[in-house]
């Protein structure tokens, strides 16, 4: 379920493992997120955020999340 407080998390949280370790979740490539969708998202908050990232990318809305990034 979409929660507004997840958008800043999506913009700033970094992937904790794997090929894209250290990459902000919103910047993960769509094919990687689709792979998770097919194989199963991780449990917990990370999985929920990855699902949200995929939905945002599928709908072409990721540029709305970019202004929430902190350096």
N, C-alpha and C. Protein backbone atom coordinates (compact mmCIF):
# COMPACT_ATOMS: atom_id res chain seq x y z
N UNK A 1 0.84 -1.18 0.00
CA UNK A 1 0.00 0.00 0.00
C UNK A 1 0.89 1.24 0.00
N UNK A 2 0.45 2.26 -0.72
CA UNK A 2 1.21 3.50 -0.82
C UNK A 2 1.07 4.32 0.45
N UNK A 3 2.20 4.73 0.97
CA UNK A 3 2.25 5.64 2.13
C UNK A 3 3.13 6.83 1.71
N UNK A 4 2.67 8.06 1.87
CA UNK A 4 3.44 9.23 1.43
C UNK A 4 4.85 9.29 2.03
N UNK A 5 5.02 8.81 3.25
CA UNK A 5 6.34 8.87 3.88
C UNK A 5 7.34 7.92 3.21
N UNK A 6 6.87 7.05 2.33
CA UNK A 6 7.78 6.14 1.64
C UNK A 6 8.51 6.81 0.47
N UNK A 7 7.99 7.91 -0.04
CA UNK A 7 8.63 8.57 -1.17
C UNK A 7 10.02 9.09 -0.83
N UNK A 8 10.22 9.79 0.29
CA UNK A 8 11.59 10.20 0.62
C UNK A 8 12.51 9.00 0.88
N UNK A 9 11.97 7.94 1.45
CA UNK A 9 12.78 6.73 1.66
C UNK A 9 13.21 6.15 0.32
N UNK A 10 12.29 6.12 -0.62
CA UNK A 10 12.58 5.60 -1.95
C UNK A 10 13.66 6.44 -2.64
N UNK A 11 13.61 7.74 -2.42
CA UNK A 11 14.57 8.65 -3.05
C UNK A 11 15.96 8.57 -2.42
N UNK A 12 16.05 8.13 -1.17
CA UNK A 12 17.33 8.23 -0.45
C UNK A 12 17.90 6.90 0.03
N UNK A 13 17.06 5.90 0.24
CA UNK A 13 17.57 4.61 0.70
C UNK A 13 18.38 3.96 -0.41
N UNK A 14 19.45 3.30 -0.03
CA UNK A 14 20.31 2.65 -1.01
C UNK A 14 20.17 1.14 -0.93
N UNK A 15 20.32 0.51 -2.06
CA UNK A 15 20.21 -0.95 -2.13
C UNK A 15 21.31 -1.55 -1.26
N UNK A 16 20.94 -2.40 -0.29
CA UNK A 16 21.93 -2.90 0.66
C UNK A 16 22.74 -4.10 0.18
N UNK A 17 22.41 -4.68 -0.96
CA UNK A 17 23.13 -5.88 -1.41
C UNK A 17 23.00 -6.03 -2.92
N UNK A 18 23.76 -6.98 -3.45
CA UNK A 18 23.64 -7.36 -4.85
C UNK A 18 24.39 -6.49 -5.82
N UNK A 19 24.09 -6.72 -7.07
CA UNK A 19 24.76 -6.05 -8.19
C UNK A 19 24.71 -4.53 -8.08
N UNK A 20 23.61 -4.01 -7.58
CA UNK A 20 23.42 -2.55 -7.48
C UNK A 20 23.55 -2.03 -6.06
N UNK A 21 24.32 -2.72 -5.25
CA UNK A 21 24.54 -2.28 -3.87
C UNK A 21 25.03 -0.84 -3.86
N UNK A 22 24.41 -0.02 -3.01
CA UNK A 22 24.79 1.39 -2.90
C UNK A 22 23.99 2.32 -3.81
N UNK A 23 23.21 1.78 -4.73
CA UNK A 23 22.39 2.59 -5.63
C UNK A 23 21.09 2.98 -4.95
N UNK A 24 20.69 4.23 -5.10
CA UNK A 24 19.40 4.65 -4.54
C UNK A 24 18.29 3.80 -5.16
N UNK A 25 17.30 3.45 -4.35
CA UNK A 25 16.24 2.56 -4.83
C UNK A 25 15.52 3.12 -6.05
N UNK A 26 15.28 4.42 -6.08
CA UNK A 26 14.57 5.01 -7.21
C UNK A 26 15.42 4.99 -8.48
N UNK A 27 16.73 4.80 -8.35
CA UNK A 27 17.63 4.78 -9.50
C UNK A 27 17.94 3.37 -9.98
N UNK A 28 17.36 2.35 -9.35
CA UNK A 28 17.57 0.99 -9.81
C UNK A 28 16.94 0.82 -11.19
N UNK A 29 17.60 0.07 -12.07
CA UNK A 29 17.03 -0.12 -13.41
C UNK A 29 15.72 -0.92 -13.35
N UNK A 30 14.79 -0.56 -14.20
CA UNK A 30 13.50 -1.24 -14.22
C UNK A 30 13.64 -2.75 -14.44
N UNK A 31 14.53 -3.22 -15.35
CA UNK A 31 14.66 -4.67 -15.52
C UNK A 31 15.07 -5.40 -14.23
N UNK A 32 15.86 -4.76 -13.40
CA UNK A 32 16.25 -5.34 -12.12
C UNK A 32 15.04 -5.47 -11.19
N UNK A 33 14.20 -4.45 -11.18
CA UNK A 33 12.99 -4.49 -10.36
C UNK A 33 12.00 -5.53 -10.88
N UNK A 34 11.92 -5.67 -12.20
CA UNK A 34 11.05 -6.69 -12.79
C UNK A 34 11.57 -8.08 -12.42
N UNK A 35 12.89 -8.24 -12.40
CA UNK A 35 13.48 -9.52 -11.98
C UNK A 35 13.03 -9.87 -10.57
N UNK A 36 13.09 -8.89 -9.66
CA UNK A 36 12.61 -9.12 -8.29
C UNK A 36 11.13 -9.48 -8.30
N UNK A 37 10.36 -8.82 -9.14
CA UNK A 37 8.94 -9.10 -9.22
C UNK A 37 8.69 -10.56 -9.60
N UNK A 38 9.50 -11.08 -10.51
CA UNK A 38 9.36 -12.47 -10.95
C UNK A 38 9.89 -13.47 -9.93
N UNK A 39 10.97 -13.13 -9.25
CA UNK A 39 11.62 -14.05 -8.31
C UNK A 39 11.09 -13.92 -6.89
N UNK A 40 10.51 -12.76 -6.57
CA UNK A 40 10.02 -12.50 -5.23
C UNK A 40 10.79 -11.36 -4.59
N UNK A 41 10.07 -10.36 -4.13
CA UNK A 41 10.70 -9.22 -3.47
C UNK A 41 11.17 -9.64 -2.08
N UNK A 42 12.22 -8.99 -1.55
CA UNK A 42 12.64 -9.28 -0.19
C UNK A 42 11.51 -8.98 0.80
N UNK A 43 11.58 -9.59 1.94
CA UNK A 43 10.59 -9.35 3.00
C UNK A 43 10.80 -7.97 3.61
N UNK A 44 9.78 -7.45 4.23
CA UNK A 44 9.87 -6.22 5.00
C UNK A 44 9.84 -4.95 4.18
N UNK A 45 10.36 -3.89 4.80
CA UNK A 45 10.30 -2.56 4.20
C UNK A 45 11.00 -2.49 2.85
N UNK A 46 12.16 -3.13 2.74
CA UNK A 46 12.89 -3.09 1.48
C UNK A 46 12.04 -3.63 0.34
N UNK A 47 11.39 -4.75 0.55
CA UNK A 47 10.55 -5.32 -0.48
C UNK A 47 9.40 -4.42 -0.87
N UNK A 48 8.78 -3.78 0.12
CA UNK A 48 7.69 -2.85 -0.17
C UNK A 48 8.18 -1.66 -0.98
N UNK A 49 9.35 -1.15 -0.63
CA UNK A 49 9.90 0.00 -1.37
C UNK A 49 10.29 -0.39 -2.79
N UNK A 50 10.82 -1.60 -2.97
CA UNK A 50 11.16 -2.04 -4.32
C UNK A 50 9.91 -2.20 -5.18
N UNK A 51 8.83 -2.69 -4.59
CA UNK A 51 7.57 -2.80 -5.31
C UNK A 51 7.06 -1.42 -5.72
N UNK A 52 7.18 -0.47 -4.80
CA UNK A 52 6.75 0.90 -5.08
C UNK A 52 7.61 1.51 -6.19
N UNK A 53 8.92 1.26 -6.13
CA UNK A 53 9.83 1.76 -7.17
C UNK A 53 9.42 1.22 -8.54
N UNK A 54 9.08 -0.06 -8.60
CA UNK A 54 8.67 -0.65 -9.87
C UNK A 54 7.38 0.00 -10.38
N UNK A 55 6.41 0.19 -9.53
CA UNK A 55 5.15 0.82 -9.94
C UNK A 55 5.39 2.25 -10.45
N UNK A 56 6.24 2.98 -9.75
CA UNK A 56 6.55 4.35 -10.16
C UNK A 56 7.23 4.36 -11.53
N UNK A 57 8.18 3.44 -11.73
CA UNK A 57 8.89 3.40 -13.00
C UNK A 57 7.98 2.94 -14.14
N UNK A 58 7.15 1.95 -13.90
CA UNK A 58 6.23 1.46 -14.93
C UNK A 58 5.33 2.60 -15.42
N UNK A 59 4.95 3.48 -14.51
CA UNK A 59 4.06 4.59 -14.85
C UNK A 59 4.80 5.86 -15.23
N UNK A 60 6.14 5.79 -15.31
CA UNK A 60 6.93 6.93 -15.76
C UNK A 60 6.94 8.11 -14.80
N UNK A 61 6.83 7.83 -13.50
CA UNK A 61 6.73 8.91 -12.52
C UNK A 61 7.99 9.13 -11.69
N UNK A 62 9.07 8.45 -12.02
CA UNK A 62 10.27 8.55 -11.18
C UNK A 62 10.81 9.98 -11.06
N UNK A 63 10.61 10.80 -12.07
CA UNK A 63 11.11 12.18 -12.00
C UNK A 63 10.40 12.99 -10.92
N UNK A 64 9.24 12.53 -10.48
CA UNK A 64 8.56 13.21 -9.37
C UNK A 64 9.22 12.91 -8.02
N UNK A 65 9.97 11.83 -7.97
CA UNK A 65 10.64 11.42 -6.72
C UNK A 65 12.03 12.05 -6.62
N UNK A 66 12.68 12.34 -7.75
CA UNK A 66 14.05 12.87 -7.75
C UNK A 66 14.23 14.13 -6.89
N UNK A 67 13.29 15.07 -6.87
CA UNK A 67 13.49 16.27 -6.04
C UNK A 67 13.57 15.96 -4.54
N UNK A 68 13.18 14.78 -4.12
CA UNK A 68 13.23 14.42 -2.71
C UNK A 68 14.59 13.89 -2.27
N UNK A 69 15.52 13.74 -3.24
CA UNK A 69 16.85 13.22 -2.91
C UNK A 69 17.63 14.23 -2.07
N UNK A 70 18.31 13.68 -1.08
CA UNK A 70 19.23 14.48 -0.25
C UNK A 70 20.65 14.06 -0.58
N UNK A 71 21.57 15.00 -0.55
CA UNK A 71 22.97 14.66 -0.83
C UNK A 71 23.68 14.18 0.39
